[in-house]
Amino acid sequence: MTPYRNLSGNSNIVSYESADDSIHVVFKSGTHRNYLYNHIRPGKAVVDKMKALAVEGHGLNSYISTTVKSNFAKKW
């Protein structure tokens, strides 16, 4: 897992792991802290944007809460 840089200082994201067709995001809090997003759900374009935001270290939490919402492949 790669630590999320959290450049804004107020993200609920701790870390992430990118794969060819998915991104696994770990949140600081919540009943379920691990979420998997893949090319099937929410789709390739969204996952690619999430990967870019994760590398930037800014905007991923906001993008998930405003655009992706509950459109994930798996949570645990």
N, C-alpha and C. Protein backbone atom coordinates (compact mmCIF):
# COMPACT_ATOMS: atom_id res chain seq x y z
N MET A 1 0.84 -1.18 0.00
CA MET A 1 0.00 0.00 0.00
C MET A 1 0.89 1.24 0.00
N THR A 2 0.41 2.24 -0.69
CA THR A 2 1.11 3.52 -0.75
C THR A 2 0.39 4.50 0.15
N PRO A 3 1.10 5.15 1.06
CA PRO A 3 0.45 6.16 1.90
C PRO A 3 -0.08 7.31 1.03
N TYR A 4 -1.29 7.75 1.32
CA TYR A 4 -1.87 8.88 0.60
C TYR A 4 -1.25 10.16 1.16
N ARG A 5 -0.73 11.01 0.30
CA ARG A 5 0.01 12.20 0.75
C ARG A 5 -0.87 13.24 1.43
N ASN A 6 -2.15 13.31 1.11
CA ASN A 6 -3.09 14.20 1.80
C ASN A 6 -2.59 15.64 1.87
N LEU A 7 -2.30 16.22 0.73
CA LEU A 7 -1.74 17.57 0.67
C LEU A 7 -2.68 18.63 1.24
N SER A 8 -3.98 18.39 1.21
CA SER A 8 -4.93 19.36 1.77
C SER A 8 -5.00 19.25 3.29
N GLY A 9 -4.60 18.11 3.83
CA GLY A 9 -4.58 17.92 5.28
C GLY A 9 -5.90 17.49 5.89
N ASN A 10 -6.95 17.33 5.09
CA ASN A 10 -8.24 16.98 5.68
C ASN A 10 -8.90 15.76 5.04
N SER A 11 -8.12 14.90 4.42
CA SER A 11 -8.67 13.72 3.76
C SER A 11 -8.89 12.58 4.75
N ASN A 12 -9.90 11.78 4.47
CA ASN A 12 -10.17 10.59 5.27
C ASN A 12 -9.45 9.37 4.70
N ILE A 13 -8.62 9.56 3.68
CA ILE A 13 -7.91 8.45 3.04
C ILE A 13 -6.54 8.26 3.67
N VAL A 14 -6.22 7.02 4.01
CA VAL A 14 -4.94 6.67 4.62
C VAL A 14 -3.95 6.20 3.56
N SER A 15 -4.40 5.28 2.70
CA SER A 15 -3.49 4.68 1.72
C SER A 15 -4.29 4.14 0.53
N TYR A 16 -3.54 3.75 -0.49
CA TYR A 16 -4.16 3.19 -1.69
C TYR A 16 -3.19 2.23 -2.35
N GLU A 17 -3.74 1.36 -3.20
CA GLU A 17 -2.92 0.46 -4.00
C GLU A 17 -3.54 0.35 -5.38
N SER A 18 -2.77 0.71 -6.38
CA SER A 18 -3.24 0.64 -7.76
C SER A 18 -2.84 -0.68 -8.40
N ALA A 19 -3.73 -1.22 -9.19
CA ALA A 19 -3.46 -2.39 -10.03
C ALA A 19 -3.83 -2.00 -11.46
N ASP A 20 -3.61 -2.89 -12.40
CA ASP A 20 -3.91 -2.57 -13.80
C ASP A 20 -5.34 -2.11 -14.01
N ASP A 21 -6.29 -2.80 -13.38
CA ASP A 21 -7.69 -2.49 -13.63
C ASP A 21 -8.47 -2.06 -12.40
N SER A 22 -7.75 -1.63 -11.34
CA SER A 22 -8.46 -1.27 -10.11
C SER A 22 -7.61 -0.38 -9.21
N ILE A 23 -8.29 0.13 -8.18
CA ILE A 23 -7.61 0.84 -7.10
C ILE A 23 -8.29 0.44 -5.79
N HIS A 24 -7.49 0.12 -4.81
CA HIS A 24 -7.96 -0.25 -3.47
C HIS A 24 -7.65 0.96 -2.59
N VAL A 25 -8.66 1.49 -1.92
CA VAL A 25 -8.51 2.68 -1.09
C VAL A 25 -8.84 2.31 0.35
N VAL A 26 -7.99 2.75 1.29
CA VAL A 26 -8.21 2.52 2.72
C VAL A 26 -8.51 3.87 3.37
N PHE A 27 -9.64 3.92 4.08
CA PHE A 27 -10.07 5.14 4.77
C PHE A 27 -9.71 5.07 6.25
N LYS A 28 -9.60 6.23 6.89
CA LYS A 28 -9.26 6.31 8.32
C LYS A 28 -10.38 5.79 9.20
N SER A 29 -11.62 6.07 8.81
CA SER A 29 -12.74 5.73 9.68
C SER A 29 -13.91 5.19 8.87
N GLY A 30 -14.87 4.64 9.59
CA GLY A 30 -16.06 4.09 8.96
C GLY A 30 -16.20 2.62 9.30
N THR A 31 -17.40 2.11 9.15
CA THR A 31 -17.66 0.69 9.41
C THR A 31 -16.82 -0.18 8.51
N HIS A 32 -16.78 0.19 7.25
CA HIS A 32 -15.93 -0.49 6.27
C HIS A 32 -14.84 0.49 5.86
N ARG A 33 -13.58 0.13 6.03
CA ARG A 33 -12.48 1.04 5.74
C ARG A 33 -11.81 0.74 4.41
N ASN A 34 -12.01 -0.43 3.85
CA ASN A 34 -11.38 -0.85 2.60
C ASN A 34 -12.41 -0.87 1.47
N TYR A 35 -12.07 -0.20 0.38
CA TYR A 35 -12.96 -0.16 -0.79
C TYR A 35 -12.16 -0.47 -2.04
N LEU A 36 -12.75 -1.29 -2.89
CA LEU A 36 -12.16 -1.63 -4.17
C LEU A 36 -13.01 -1.02 -5.28
N TYR A 37 -12.35 -0.33 -6.19
CA TYR A 37 -12.99 0.27 -7.36
C TYR A 37 -12.29 -0.33 -8.57
N ASN A 38 -13.08 -0.80 -9.57
CA ASN A 38 -12.43 -1.45 -10.71
C ASN A 38 -13.05 -1.00 -12.03
N HIS A 39 -12.55 -1.57 -13.13
CA HIS A 39 -13.00 -1.17 -14.46
C HIS A 39 -14.46 -1.54 -14.72
N ILE A 40 -15.00 -2.47 -13.95
CA ILE A 40 -16.41 -2.83 -14.09
C ILE A 40 -17.28 -1.86 -13.30
N ARG A 41 -16.87 -1.60 -12.08
CA ARG A 41 -17.62 -0.70 -11.21
C ARG A 41 -16.66 0.14 -10.40
N PRO A 42 -16.54 1.38 -10.62
CA PRO A 42 -17.40 2.31 -11.35
C PRO A 42 -17.06 2.51 -12.82
N GLY A 43 -16.02 1.85 -13.33
CA GLY A 43 -15.66 1.97 -14.73
C GLY A 43 -14.24 2.48 -14.92
N LYS A 44 -13.69 2.21 -16.09
CA LYS A 44 -12.29 2.51 -16.38
C LYS A 44 -11.96 4.00 -16.27
N ALA A 45 -12.78 4.87 -16.84
CA ALA A 45 -12.49 6.31 -16.82
C ALA A 45 -12.45 6.85 -15.39
N VAL A 46 -13.38 6.41 -14.57
CA VAL A 46 -13.43 6.86 -13.18
C VAL A 46 -12.23 6.33 -12.41
N VAL A 47 -11.90 5.07 -12.58
CA VAL A 47 -10.76 4.47 -11.89
C VAL A 47 -9.46 5.14 -12.32
N ASP A 48 -9.31 5.43 -13.59
CA ASP A 48 -8.11 6.11 -14.06
C ASP A 48 -7.98 7.50 -13.43
N LYS A 49 -9.09 8.21 -13.30
CA LYS A 49 -9.08 9.53 -12.64
C LYS A 49 -8.72 9.37 -11.17
N MET A 50 -9.25 8.36 -10.51
CA MET A 50 -8.93 8.11 -9.10
C MET A 50 -7.45 7.82 -8.92
N LYS A 51 -6.88 7.03 -9.82
CA LYS A 51 -5.44 6.72 -9.75
C LYS A 51 -4.61 7.98 -9.89
N ALA A 52 -4.98 8.86 -10.81
CA ALA A 52 -4.24 10.10 -11.00
C ALA A 52 -4.33 10.99 -9.76
N LEU A 53 -5.51 11.10 -9.18
CA LEU A 53 -5.68 11.90 -7.96
C LEU A 53 -4.90 11.30 -6.80
N ALA A 54 -4.85 9.98 -6.71
CA ALA A 54 -4.10 9.32 -5.65
C ALA A 54 -2.62 9.65 -5.74
N VAL A 55 -2.09 9.63 -6.94
CA VAL A 55 -0.67 9.96 -7.14
C VAL A 55 -0.41 11.42 -6.80
N GLU A 56 -1.34 12.30 -7.17
CA GLU A 56 -1.20 13.73 -6.86
C GLU A 56 -1.24 13.98 -5.36
N GLY A 57 -1.99 13.15 -4.63
CA GLY A 57 -2.11 13.33 -3.19
C GLY A 57 -3.10 14.40 -2.81
N HIS A 58 -3.99 14.73 -3.73
CA HIS A 58 -4.96 15.80 -3.47
C HIS A 58 -6.23 15.56 -4.29
N GLY A 59 -7.39 15.63 -3.65
CA GLY A 59 -8.66 15.57 -4.35
C GLY A 59 -9.34 14.22 -4.43
N LEU A 60 -8.68 13.16 -4.02
CA LEU A 60 -9.28 11.83 -4.15
C LEU A 60 -10.51 11.66 -3.26
N ASN A 61 -10.42 12.07 -2.01
CA ASN A 61 -11.54 11.93 -1.09
C ASN A 61 -12.76 12.70 -1.61
N SER A 62 -12.55 13.92 -2.07
CA SER A 62 -13.64 14.74 -2.61
C SER A 62 -14.25 14.10 -3.85
N TYR A 63 -13.40 13.59 -4.73
CA TYR A 63 -13.89 12.94 -5.95
C TYR A 63 -14.75 11.73 -5.63
N ILE A 64 -14.31 10.94 -4.67
CA ILE A 64 -15.09 9.77 -4.27
C ILE A 64 -16.43 10.20 -3.68
N SER A 65 -16.43 11.19 -2.80
CA SER A 65 -17.67 11.58 -2.13
C SER A 65 -18.64 12.32 -3.04
N THR A 66 -18.15 13.01 -4.07
CA THR A 66 -19.05 13.78 -4.94
C THR A 66 -19.40 13.07 -6.24
N THR A 67 -18.51 12.25 -6.76
CA THR A 67 -18.71 11.64 -8.07
C THR A 67 -18.92 10.13 -7.99
N VAL A 68 -18.03 9.45 -7.32
CA VAL A 68 -18.08 7.98 -7.28
C VAL A 68 -19.18 7.50 -6.33
N LYS A 69 -19.27 8.13 -5.19
CA LYS A 69 -20.26 7.81 -4.15
C LYS A 69 -20.23 6.33 -3.80
N SER A 70 -21.35 5.63 -3.90
CA SER A 70 -21.40 4.21 -3.50
C SER A 70 -21.18 3.27 -4.68
N ASN A 71 -20.62 3.76 -5.74
CA ASN A 71 -20.39 2.95 -6.93
C ASN A 71 -19.02 2.25 -6.85
N PHE A 72 -18.90 1.31 -5.94
CA PHE A 72 -17.66 0.56 -5.72
C PHE A 72 -17.89 -0.91 -6.04
N ALA A 73 -16.81 -1.63 -6.23
CA ALA A 73 -16.91 -3.07 -6.54
C ALA A 73 -17.05 -3.91 -5.28
N LYS A 74 -16.36 -3.49 -4.20
CA LYS A 74 -16.34 -4.29 -2.97
C LYS A 74 -15.94 -3.40 -1.81
N LYS A 75 -16.47 -3.72 -0.63
CA LYS A 75 -16.04 -3.05 0.60
C LYS A 75 -15.90 -4.08 1.70
N TRP A 76 -14.95 -3.83 2.60
CA TRP A 76 -14.74 -4.74 3.74
C TRP A 76 -14.06 -4.02 4.87
